Amino acid sequence: KIYATNKHLKGKQYQYKVGYKLTVPPGDYHVFAQLPDPAKYGATYPK
């Protein structure tokens, strides 16, 4: 199961002053970021 957010948090505690928080049930996770349309930003990797 994937838990997701696109809400970006602003604050000095975050590198580059932008971060996130995700509330999840206990367990083991892999955490990743994605873009819905990478080509929009000139990236060549897949969606």
All heavy atoms as atom14 arrays in JSON, in Angstrom:
{
  "sequence": "KIYATNKHLKGKQYQYKVGYKLTVPPGDYHVFAQLPDPAKYGATYPK",
  "atom14_mask": [
    [1, 1, 1, 1, 1, 1, 1, 1, 1, 0, 0, 0, 0, 0],
    [1, 1, 1, 1, 1, 1, 1, 1, 0, 0, 0, 0, 0, 0],
    [1, 1, 1, 1, 1, 1, 1, 1, 1, 1, 1, 1, 0, 0],
    [1, 1, 1, 1, 1, 0, 0, 0, 0, 0, 0, 0, 0, 0],
    [1, 1, 1, 1, 1, 1, 1, 0, 0, 0, 0, 0, 0, 0],
    [1, 1, 1, 1, 1, 1, 1, 1, 0, 0, 0, 0, 0, 0],
    [1, 1, 1, 1, 1, 1, 1, 1, 1, 0, 0, 0, 0, 0],
    [1, 1, 1, 1, 1, 1, 1, 1, 1, 1, 0, 0, 0, 0],
    [1, 1, 1, 1, 1, 1, 1, 1, 0, 0, 0, 0, 0, 0],
    [1, 1, 1, 1, 1, 1, 1, 1, 1, 0, 0, 0, 0, 0],
    [1, 1, 1, 1, 0, 0, 0, 0, 0, 0, 0, 0, 0, 0],
    [1, 1, 1, 1, 1, 1, 1, 1, 1, 0, 0, 0, 0, 0],
    [1, 1, 1, 1, 1, 1, 1, 1, 1, 0, 0, 0, 0, 0],
    [1, 1, 1, 1, 1, 1, 1, 1, 1, 1, 1, 1, 0, 0],
    [1, 1, 1, 1, 1, 1, 1, 1, 1, 0, 0, 0, 0, 0],
    [1, 1, 1, 1, 1, 1, 1, 1, 1, 1, 1, 1, 0, 0],
    [1, 1, 1, 1, 1, 1, 1, 1, 1, 0, 0, 0, 0, 0],
    [1, 1, 1, 1, 1, 1, 1, 0, 0, 0, 0, 0, 0, 0],
    [1, 1, 1, 1, 0, 0, 0, 0, 0, 0, 0, 0, 0, 0],
    [1, 1, 1, 1, 1, 1, 1, 1, 1, 1, 1, 1, 0, 0],
    [1, 1, 1, 1, 1, 1, 1, 1, 1, 0, 0, 0, 0, 0],
    [1, 1, 1, 1, 1, 1, 1, 1, 0, 0, 0, 0, 0, 0],
    [1, 1, 1, 1, 1, 1, 1, 0, 0, 0, 0, 0, 0, 0],
    [1, 1, 1, 1, 1, 1, 1, 0, 0, 0, 0, 0, 0, 0],
    [1, 1, 1, 1, 1, 1, 1, 0, 0, 0, 0, 0, 0, 0],
    [1, 1, 1, 1, 1, 1, 1, 0, 0, 0, 0, 0, 0, 0],
    [1, 1, 1, 1, 0, 0, 0, 0, 0, 0, 0, 0, 0, 0],
    [1, 1, 1, 1, 1, 1, 1, 1, 0, 0, 0, 0, 0, 0],
    [1, 1, 1, 1, 1, 1, 1, 1, 1, 1, 1, 1, 0, 0],
    [1, 1, 1, 1, 1, 1, 1, 1, 1, 1, 0, 0, 0, 0],
    [1, 1, 1, 1, 1, 1, 1, 0, 0, 0, 0, 0, 0, 0],
    [1, 1, 1, 1, 1, 1, 1, 1, 1, 1, 1, 0, 0, 0],
    [1, 1, 1, 1, 1, 0, 0, 0, 0, 0, 0, 0, 0, 0],
    [1, 1, 1, 1, 1, 1, 1, 1, 1, 0, 0, 0, 0, 0],
    [1, 1, 1, 1, 1, 1, 1, 1, 0, 0, 0, 0, 0, 0],
    [1, 1, 1, 1, 1, 1, 1, 0, 0, 0, 0, 0, 0, 0],
    [1, 1, 1, 1, 1, 1, 1, 1, 0, 0, 0, 0, 0, 0],
    [1, 1, 1, 1, 1, 1, 1, 0, 0, 0, 0, 0, 0, 0],
    [1, 1, 1, 1, 1, 0, 0, 0, 0, 0, 0, 0, 0, 0],
    [1, 1, 1, 1, 1, 1, 1, 1, 1, 0, 0, 0, 0, 0],
    [1, 1, 1, 1, 1, 1, 1, 1, 1, 1, 1, 1, 0, 0],
    [1, 1, 1, 1, 0, 0, 0, 0, 0, 0, 0, 0, 0, 0],
    [1, 1, 1, 1, 1, 0, 0, 0, 0, 0, 0, 0, 0, 0],
    [1, 1, 1, 1, 1, 1, 1, 0, 0, 0, 0, 0, 0, 0],
    [1, 1, 1, 1, 1, 1, 1, 1, 1, 1, 1, 1, 0, 0],
    [1, 1, 1, 1, 1, 1, 1, 0, 0, 0, 0, 0, 0, 0],
    [1, 1, 1, 1, 1, 1, 1, 1, 1, 0, 0, 0, 0, 0]
  ],
  "atom14_positions": [
    [[0.85, -1.19, 0.0], [0.0, 0.0, 0.0], [0.89, 1.24, 0.0], [1.9, 1.28, 0.69], [-0.93, 0.0, 1.21], [-1.87, 1.18, 1.2], [-2.95, 1.08, 2.24], [-3.83, 2.32, 2.12], [-4.95, 2.28, 3.01], [0.0, 0.0, 0.0], [0.0, 0.0, 0.0], [0.0, 0.0, 0.0], [0.0, 0.0, 0.0], [0.0, 0.0, 0.0]],
    [[0.48, 2.24, -0.77], [1.25, 3.48, -0.87], [0.47, 4.61, -0.21], [-0.71, 4.83, -0.5], [1.57, 3.83, -2.33], [2.51, 2.76, -2.91], [2.18, 5.21, -2.46], [2.88, 2.94, -4.36], [0.0, 0.0, 0.0], [0.0, 0.0, 0.0], [0.0, 0.0, 0.0], [0.0, 0.0, 0.0], [0.0, 0.0, 0.0], [0.0, 0.0, 0.0]],
    [[1.14, 5.31, 0.69], [0.61, 6.5, 1.35], [1.32, 7.69, 0.72], [2.54, 7.65, 0.53], [0.89, 6.44, 2.86], [0.26, 5.23, 3.5], [0.92, 4.0, 3.5], [-1.0, 5.29, 4.06], [0.34, 2.87, 4.05], [-1.59, 4.17, 4.62], [-0.92, 2.96, 4.61], [-1.5, 1.86, 5.16], [0.0, 0.0, 0.0], [0.0, 0.0, 0.0]],
    [[0.57, 8.74, 0.38], [1.18, 9.83, -0.38], [0.65, 11.19, 0.05], [-0.46, 11.31, 0.58], [0.92, 9.63, -1.86], [0.0, 0.0, 0.0], [0.0, 0.0, 0.0], [0.0, 0.0, 0.0], [0.0, 0.0, 0.0], [0.0, 0.0, 0.0], [0.0, 0.0, 0.0], [0.0, 0.0, 0.0], [0.0, 0.0, 0.0], [0.0, 0.0, 0.0]],
    [[1.47, 12.2, -0.21], [1.07, 13.59, -0.02], [1.75, 14.44, -1.08], [2.85, 14.12, -1.52], [1.42, 14.11, 1.39], [0.91, 15.44, 1.52], [2.93, 14.13, 1.63], [0.0, 0.0, 0.0], [0.0, 0.0, 0.0], [0.0, 0.0, 0.0], [0.0, 0.0, 0.0], [0.0, 0.0, 0.0], [0.0, 0.0, 0.0], [0.0, 0.0, 0.0]],
    [[1.09, 15.48, -1.47], [1.73, 16.48, -2.33], [1.73, 17.84, -1.63], [1.95, 18.86, -2.25], [1.09, 16.54, -3.72], [-0.38, 16.89, -3.67], [-0.92, 17.2, -2.62], [-1.04, 16.81, -4.8], [0.0, 0.0, 0.0], [0.0, 0.0, 0.0], [0.0, 0.0, 0.0], [0.0, 0.0, 0.0], [0.0, 0.0, 0.0], [0.0, 0.0, 0.0]],
    [[1.47, 17.8, -0.32], [1.51, 19.02, 0.48], [2.95, 19.27, 0.9], [3.55, 18.47, 1.61], [0.62, 18.88, 1.71], [0.58, 20.14, 2.55], [-0.35, 20.01, 3.72], [-0.34, 21.3, 4.51], [-1.19, 21.21, 5.68], [0.0, 0.0, 0.0], [0.0, 0.0, 0.0], [0.0, 0.0, 0.0], [0.0, 0.0, 0.0], [0.0, 0.0, 0.0]],
    [[3.5, 20.38, 0.45], [4.87, 20.76, 0.79], [4.84, 21.72, 1.96], [4.06, 22.67, 1.99], [5.55, 21.42, -0.41], [5.66, 20.53, -1.6], [6.31, 20.9, -2.75], [5.21, 19.26, -1.83], [6.26, 19.92, -3.62], [5.6, 18.92, -3.09], [0.0, 0.0, 0.0], [0.0, 0.0, 0.0], [0.0, 0.0, 0.0], [0.0, 0.0, 0.0]],
    [[5.69, 21.45, 2.94], [5.77, 22.29, 4.13], [6.96, 23.22, 4.03], [8.02, 22.82, 3.55], [5.88, 21.39, 5.37], [4.79, 20.32, 5.52], [5.09, 19.43, 6.71], [3.42, 20.96, 5.64], [0.0, 0.0, 0.0], [0.0, 0.0, 0.0], [0.0, 0.0, 0.0], [0.0, 0.0, 0.0], [0.0, 0.0, 0.0], [0.0, 0.0, 0.0]],
    [[6.81, 24.42, 4.5], [7.9, 25.39, 4.5], [8.44, 25.5, 5.92], [7.7, 25.46, 6.89], [7.41, 26.77, 4.05], [6.66, 26.77, 2.73], [7.56, 26.6, 1.57], [6.77, 26.71, 0.27], [7.46, 26.31, -0.87], [0.0, 0.0, 0.0], [0.0, 0.0, 0.0], [0.0, 0.0, 0.0], [0.0, 0.0, 0.0], [0.0, 0.0, 0.0]],
    [[9.76, 25.62, 6.05], [10.34, 25.79, 7.38], [11.84, 25.71, 7.36], [12.44, 25.05, 6.5], [0.0, 0.0, 0.0], [0.0, 0.0, 0.0], [0.0, 0.0, 0.0], [0.0, 0.0, 0.0], [0.0, 0.0, 0.0], [0.0, 0.0, 0.0], [0.0, 0.0, 0.0], [0.0, 0.0, 0.0], [0.0, 0.0, 0.0], [0.0, 0.0, 0.0]],
    [[12.46, 26.39, 8.31], [13.93, 26.4, 8.4], [14.49, 25.03, 8.76], [15.66, 24.77, 8.51], [14.37, 27.42, 9.45], [14.13, 28.86, 9.03], [14.7, 29.82, 10.05], [13.77, 29.88, 11.23], [14.11, 30.89, 12.22], [0.0, 0.0, 0.0], [0.0, 0.0, 0.0], [0.0, 0.0, 0.0], [0.0, 0.0, 0.0], [0.0, 0.0, 0.0]],
    [[13.66, 24.16, 9.35], [14.15, 22.83, 9.74], [14.4, 21.94, 8.52], [15.03, 20.9, 8.64], [13.18, 22.16, 10.72], [11.87, 21.68, 10.12], [10.77, 22.72, 10.14], [11.01, 23.91, 10.02], [9.53, 22.26, 10.29], [0.0, 0.0, 0.0], [0.0, 0.0, 0.0], [0.0, 0.0, 0.0], [0.0, 0.0, 0.0], [0.0, 0.0, 0.0]],
    [[13.9, 22.35, 7.35], [14.06, 21.54, 6.15], [15.19, 22.09, 5.28], [15.32, 23.3, 5.09], [12.77, 21.54, 5.33], [11.57, 21.03, 6.09], [10.49, 21.85, 6.33], [11.54, 19.72, 6.56], [9.38, 21.38, 7.03], [10.44, 19.25, 7.26], [9.37, 20.08, 7.49], [8.29, 19.62, 8.18], [0.0, 0.0, 0.0], [0.0, 0.0, 0.0]],
    [[15.98, 21.17, 4.72], [16.99, 21.55, 3.74], [16.25, 22.23, 2.59], [15.18, 21.79, 2.18], [17.71, 20.29, 3.26], [18.78, 20.53, 2.25], [19.39, 19.22, 1.77], [18.83, 18.15, 1.94], [20.54, 19.31, 1.16], [0.0, 0.0, 0.0], [0.0, 0.0, 0.0], [0.0, 0.0, 0.0], [0.0, 0.0, 0.0], [0.0, 0.0, 0.0]],
    [[16.77, 23.3, 2.07], [16.13, 24.11, 1.01], [14.79, 24.68, 1.47], [13.98, 25.1, 0.66], [15.97, 23.31, -0.29], [17.23, 22.63, -0.73], [17.3, 21.24, -0.78], [18.37, 23.36, -1.06], [18.47, 20.6, -1.17], [19.54, 22.72, -1.44], [19.58, 21.35, -1.49], [20.73, 20.71, -1.87], [0.0, 0.0, 0.0], [0.0, 0.0, 0.0]],
    [[14.52, 24.59, 2.77], [13.33, 25.17, 3.41], [12.0, 24.59, 2.93], [10.96, 25.21, 3.05], [13.34, 26.69, 3.28], [14.54, 27.3, 3.95], [14.49, 28.8, 3.91], [15.61, 29.32, 4.75], [16.61, 30.06, 4.1], [0.0, 0.0, 0.0], [0.0, 0.0, 0.0], [0.0, 0.0, 0.0], [0.0, 0.0, 0.0], [0.0, 0.0, 0.0]],
    [[12.04, 23.38, 2.34], [10.81, 22.72, 1.88], [10.86, 21.26, 2.34], [11.85, 20.57, 2.12], [10.64, 22.78, 0.35], [9.34, 22.12, -0.07], [10.72, 24.21, -0.16], [0.0, 0.0, 0.0], [0.0, 0.0, 0.0], [0.0, 0.0, 0.0], [0.0, 0.0, 0.0], [0.0, 0.0, 0.0], [0.0, 0.0, 0.0], [0.0, 0.0, 0.0]],
    [[9.76, 20.81, 2.95], [9.71, 19.44, 3.43], [8.31, 18.85, 3.31], [7.43, 19.4, 2.66], [0.0, 0.0, 0.0], [0.0, 0.0, 0.0], [0.0, 0.0, 0.0], [0.0, 0.0, 0.0], [0.0, 0.0, 0.0], [0.0, 0.0, 0.0], [0.0, 0.0, 0.0], [0.0, 0.0, 0.0], [0.0, 0.0, 0.0], [0.0, 0.0, 0.0]],
    [[8.12, 17.72, 3.97], [6.85, 16.99, 3.94], [6.7, 16.22, 5.24], [7.65, 16.01, 5.99], [6.83, 16.0, 2.76], [7.69, 14.8, 3.04], [7.14, 13.63, 3.56], [9.07, 14.84, 2.87], [7.94, 12.54, 3.87], [9.87, 13.77, 3.18], [9.3, 12.62, 3.68], [10.1, 11.55, 4.0], [0.0, 0.0, 0.0], [0.0, 0.0, 0.0]],
    [[5.47, 15.79, 5.51], [5.16, 14.85, 6.59], [4.12, 13.88, 6.06], [3.18, 14.27, 5.39], [4.58, 15.57, 7.81], [5.59, 16.33, 8.62], [4.95, 16.9, 9.88], [5.97, 17.7, 10.66], [5.41, 18.24, 11.9], [0.0, 0.0, 0.0], [0.0, 0.0, 0.0], [0.0, 0.0, 0.0], [0.0, 0.0, 0.0], [0.0, 0.0, 0.0]],
    [[4.32, 12.6, 6.4], [3.38, 11.54, 6.03], [3.0, 10.76, 7.28], [3.88, 10.3, 8.01], [4.03, 10.56, 5.06], [3.91, 10.79, 3.57], [4.76, 9.79, 2.82], [2.49, 10.73, 3.11], [0.0, 0.0, 0.0], [0.0, 0.0, 0.0], [0.0, 0.0, 0.0], [0.0, 0.0, 0.0], [0.0, 0.0, 0.0], [0.0, 0.0, 0.0]],
    [[1.71, 10.61, 7.52], [1.23, 9.79, 8.64], [0.9, 8.41, 8.09], [0.15, 8.29, 7.11], [-0.02, 10.43, 9.27], [0.34, 11.73, 9.75], [-0.53, 9.6, 10.43], [0.0, 0.0, 0.0], [0.0, 0.0, 0.0], [0.0, 0.0, 0.0], [0.0, 0.0, 0.0], [0.0, 0.0, 0.0], [0.0, 0.0, 0.0], [0.0, 0.0, 0.0]],
    [[1.52, 7.39, 8.69], [1.38, 6.02, 8.2], [1.21, 5.05, 9.36], [1.62, 5.34, 10.49], [2.62, 5.6, 7.37], [2.77, 6.47, 6.12], [3.89, 5.65, 8.19], [0.0, 0.0, 0.0], [0.0, 0.0, 0.0], [0.0, 0.0, 0.0], [0.0, 0.0, 0.0], [0.0, 0.0, 0.0], [0.0, 0.0, 0.0], [0.0, 0.0, 0.0]],
    [[0.62, 3.89, 9.1], [0.57, 2.84, 10.13], [1.98, 2.31, 10.39], [2.86, 2.42, 9.54], [-0.3, 1.75, 9.51], [-0.96, 2.36, 8.33], [-0.11, 3.5, 7.89], [0.0, 0.0, 0.0], [0.0, 0.0, 0.0], [0.0, 0.0, 0.0], [0.0, 0.0, 0.0], [0.0, 0.0, 0.0], [0.0, 0.0, 0.0], [0.0, 0.0, 0.0]],
    [[2.2, 1.7, 11.55], [3.5, 1.1, 11.82], [3.86, 0.09, 10.73], [2.98, -0.6, 10.19], [3.31, 0.4, 13.17], [2.19, 1.14, 13.82], [1.28, 1.56, 12.68], [0.0, 0.0, 0.0], [0.0, 0.0, 0.0], [0.0, 0.0, 0.0], [0.0, 0.0, 0.0], [0.0, 0.0, 0.0], [0.0, 0.0, 0.0], [0.0, 0.0, 0.0]],
    [[5.13, 0.03, 10.41], [5.59, -0.91, 9.39], [6.9, -0.47, 8.79], [7.5, 0.52, 9.21], [0.0, 0.0, 0.0], [0.0, 0.0, 0.0], [0.0, 0.0, 0.0], [0.0, 0.0, 0.0], [0.0, 0.0, 0.0], [0.0, 0.0, 0.0], [0.0, 0.0, 0.0], [0.0, 0.0, 0.0], [0.0, 0.0, 0.0], [0.0, 0.0, 0.0]],
    [[7.33, -1.22, 7.8], [8.57, -0.93, 7.07], [8.21, -0.33, 5.71], [7.34, -0.86, 5.0], [9.38, -2.21, 6.86], [9.95, -2.74, 8.17], [10.03, -1.97, 9.15], [10.31, -3.93, 8.21], [0.0, 0.0, 0.0], [0.0, 0.0, 0.0], [0.0, 0.0, 0.0], [0.0, 0.0, 0.0], [0.0, 0.0, 0.0], [0.0, 0.0, 0.0]],
    [[8.92, 0.74, 5.33], [8.57, 1.51, 4.14], [9.79, 1.84, 3.3], [10.9, 1.99, 3.82], [7.9, 2.83, 4.54], [6.57, 2.66, 5.2], [6.46, 2.46, 6.57], [5.4, 2.68, 4.44], [5.23, 2.29, 7.18], [4.16, 2.5, 5.04], [4.08, 2.3, 6.4], [2.86, 2.13, 7.0], [0.0, 0.0, 0.0], [0.0, 0.0, 0.0]],
    [[9.56, 2.02, 2.0], [10.48, 2.71, 1.12], [9.81, 4.06, 0.83], [8.62, 4.11, 0.51], [10.69, 1.96, -0.19], [11.65, 0.85, -0.08], [11.68, -0.2, -0.98], [12.64, 0.58, 0.8], [12.64, -1.05, -0.64], [13.23, -0.59, 0.45], [0.0, 0.0, 0.0], [0.0, 0.0, 0.0], [0.0, 0.0, 0.0], [0.0, 0.0, 0.0]],
    [[10.58, 5.13, 0.96], [10.05, 6.48, 0.76], [10.65, 7.04, -0.52], [11.86, 6.95, -0.74], [10.39, 7.38, 1.97], [9.89, 8.8, 1.75], [9.78, 6.79, 3.26], [0.0, 0.0, 0.0], [0.0, 0.0, 0.0], [0.0, 0.0, 0.0], [0.0, 0.0, 0.0], [0.0, 0.0, 0.0], [0.0, 0.0, 0.0], [0.0, 0.0, 0.0]],
    [[9.79, 7.64, -1.35], [10.26, 8.19, -2.62], [9.44, 9.41, -3.01], [8.34, 9.63, -2.51], [10.21, 7.13, -3.73], [8.84, 6.56, -4.0], [8.02, 7.11, -4.96], [8.4, 5.44, -3.3], [6.76, 6.57, -5.22], [7.15, 4.88, -3.55], [6.33, 5.46, -4.52], [0.0, 0.0, 0.0], [0.0, 0.0, 0.0], [0.0, 0.0, 0.0]],
    [[10.01, 10.2, -3.91], [9.31, 11.35, -4.49], [9.1, 11.06, -5.97], [9.88, 10.34, -6.6], [10.14, 12.62, -4.31], [0.0, 0.0, 0.0], [0.0, 0.0, 0.0], [0.0, 0.0, 0.0], [0.0, 0.0, 0.0], [0.0, 0.0, 0.0], [0.0, 0.0, 0.0], [0.0, 0.0, 0.0], [0.0, 0.0, 0.0], [0.0, 0.0, 0.0]],
    [[8.01, 11.62, -6.52], [7.69, 11.44, -7.94], [7.12, 12.73, -8.5], [6.56, 13.55, -7.75], [6.62, 10.36, -8.12], [7.12, 8.96, -8.11], [6.05, 7.97, -8.51], [4.96, 7.97, -7.98], [6.38, 7.1, -9.44], [0.0, 0.0, 0.0], [0.0, 0.0, 0.0], [0.0, 0.0, 0.0], [0.0, 0.0, 0.0], [0.0, 0.0, 0.0]],
    [[7.21, 12.86, -9.8], [6.58, 13.95, -10.51], [5.55, 13.37, -11.47], [5.82, 12.37, -12.13], [7.6, 14.75, -11.31], [8.66, 15.49, -10.51], [9.66, 16.15, -11.44], [8.02, 16.53, -9.61], [0.0, 0.0, 0.0], [0.0, 0.0, 0.0], [0.0, 0.0, 0.0], [0.0, 0.0, 0.0], [0.0, 0.0, 0.0], [0.0, 0.0, 0.0]],
    [[4.36, 13.97, -11.57], [3.35, 13.43, -12.48], [3.72, 13.61, -13.95], [3.31, 12.82, -14.79], [2.08, 14.2, -12.13], [2.56, 15.42, -11.44], [3.86, 15.09, -10.79], [0.0, 0.0, 0.0], [0.0, 0.0, 0.0], [0.0, 0.0, 0.0], [0.0, 0.0, 0.0], [0.0, 0.0, 0.0], [0.0, 0.0, 0.0], [0.0, 0.0, 0.0]],
    [[4.52, 14.65, -14.26], [4.92, 14.9, -15.64], [6.35, 15.44, -15.67], [6.56, 16.65, -15.77], [3.96, 15.9, -16.28], [4.25, 16.13, -17.75], [5.08, 15.39, -18.34], [3.65, 17.06, -18.33], [0.0, 0.0, 0.0], [0.0, 0.0, 0.0], [0.0, 0.0, 0.0], [0.0, 0.0, 0.0], [0.0, 0.0, 0.0], [0.0, 0.0, 0.0]],
    [[7.35, 14.56, -15.58], [8.74, 15.0, -15.55], [9.13, 15.85, -16.77], [9.93, 16.78, -16.65], [9.54, 13.69, -15.53], [8.59, 12.67, -15.02], [7.24, 13.1, -15.47], [0.0, 0.0, 0.0], [0.0, 0.0, 0.0], [0.0, 0.0, 0.0], [0.0, 0.0, 0.0], [0.0, 0.0, 0.0], [0.0, 0.0, 0.0], [0.0, 0.0, 0.0]],
    [[8.56, 15.55, -17.93], [8.9, 16.29, -19.14], [8.56, 17.78, -19.01], [9.21, 18.64, -19.62], [8.19, 15.69, -20.35], [0.0, 0.0, 0.0], [0.0, 0.0, 0.0], [0.0, 0.0, 0.0], [0.0, 0.0, 0.0], [0.0, 0.0, 0.0], [0.0, 0.0, 0.0], [0.0, 0.0, 0.0], [0.0, 0.0, 0.0], [0.0, 0.0, 0.0]],
    [[7.59, 18.09, -18.19], [7.2, 19.48, -17.93], [8.38, 20.3, -17.4], [8.45, 21.5, -17.58], [6.04, 19.47, -16.93], [5.56, 20.8, -16.44], [4.4, 20.57, -15.48], [4.02, 21.79, -14.71], [2.93, 21.52, -13.76], [0.0, 0.0, 0.0], [0.0, 0.0, 0.0], [0.0, 0.0, 0.0], [0.0, 0.0, 0.0], [0.0, 0.0, 0.0]],
    [[9.32, 19.6, -16.76], [10.49, 20.26, -16.17], [11.77, 19.96, -16.96], [12.86, 20.19, -16.49], [10.65, 19.83, -14.71], [9.43, 20.16, -13.92], [8.5, 19.18, -13.58], [9.15, 21.48, -13.53], [7.36, 19.49, -12.87], [8.01, 21.8, -12.83], [7.11, 20.8, -12.5], [5.97, 21.12, -11.81], [0.0, 0.0, 0.0], [0.0, 0.0, 0.0]],
    [[11.61, 19.4, -18.16], [12.76, 19.11, -19.01], [13.45, 17.8, -18.69], [14.5, 17.49, -19.24], [0.0, 0.0, 0.0], [0.0, 0.0, 0.0], [0.0, 0.0, 0.0], [0.0, 0.0, 0.0], [0.0, 0.0, 0.0], [0.0, 0.0, 0.0], [0.0, 0.0, 0.0], [0.0, 0.0, 0.0], [0.0, 0.0, 0.0], [0.0, 0.0, 0.0]],
    [[12.88, 17.01, -17.8], [13.49, 15.72, -17.42], [13.18, 14.67, -18.49], [12.12, 14.69, -19.12], [12.96, 15.27, -16.07], [0.0, 0.0, 0.0], [0.0, 0.0, 0.0], [0.0, 0.0, 0.0], [0.0, 0.0, 0.0], [0.0, 0.0, 0.0], [0.0, 0.0, 0.0], [0.0, 0.0, 0.0], [0.0, 0.0, 0.0], [0.0, 0.0, 0.0]],
    [[14.09, 13.74, -18.66], [13.91, 12.69, -19.67], [13.53, 11.34, -19.06], [13.35, 10.37, -19.79], [15.2, 12.52, -20.49], [16.27, 12.2, -19.61], [15.51, 13.78, -21.28], [0.0, 0.0, 0.0], [0.0, 0.0, 0.0], [0.0, 0.0, 0.0], [0.0, 0.0, 0.0], [0.0, 0.0, 0.0], [0.0, 0.0, 0.0], [0.0, 0.0, 0.0]],
    [[13.44, 11.25, -17.74], [13.07, 9.97, -17.13], [11.56, 9.77, -17.21], [10.8, 10.72, -17.38], [13.59, 9.86, -15.69], [13.31, 11.04, -14.81], [12.07, 11.22, -14.2], [14.28, 12.0, -14.57], [11.82, 12.3, -13.4], [14.04, 13.08, -13.76], [12.8, 13.24, -13.18], [12.55, 14.31, -12.38], [0.0, 0.0, 0.0], [0.0, 0.0, 0.0]],
    [[11.09, 8.51, -17.08], [9.66, 8.21, -17.24], [8.81, 8.71, -16.08], [9.32, 9.02, -15.0], [9.64, 6.68, -17.32], [10.87, 6.24, -16.63], [11.9, 7.32, -16.85], [0.0, 0.0, 0.0], [0.0, 0.0, 0.0], [0.0, 0.0, 0.0], [0.0, 0.0, 0.0], [0.0, 0.0, 0.0], [0.0, 0.0, 0.0], [0.0, 0.0, 0.0]],
    [[7.51, 8.73, -16.29], [6.56, 9.21, -15.27], [6.59, 8.36, -14.01], [6.25, 8.84, -12.94], [5.14, 9.24, -15.83], [4.91, 10.35, -16.8], [3.46, 10.39, -17.25], [3.25, 11.54, -18.21], [1.84, 11.7, -18.54], [0.0, 0.0, 0.0], [0.0, 0.0, 0.0], [0.0, 0.0, 0.0], [0.0, 0.0, 0.0], [0.0, 0.0, 0.0]]
  ]
}
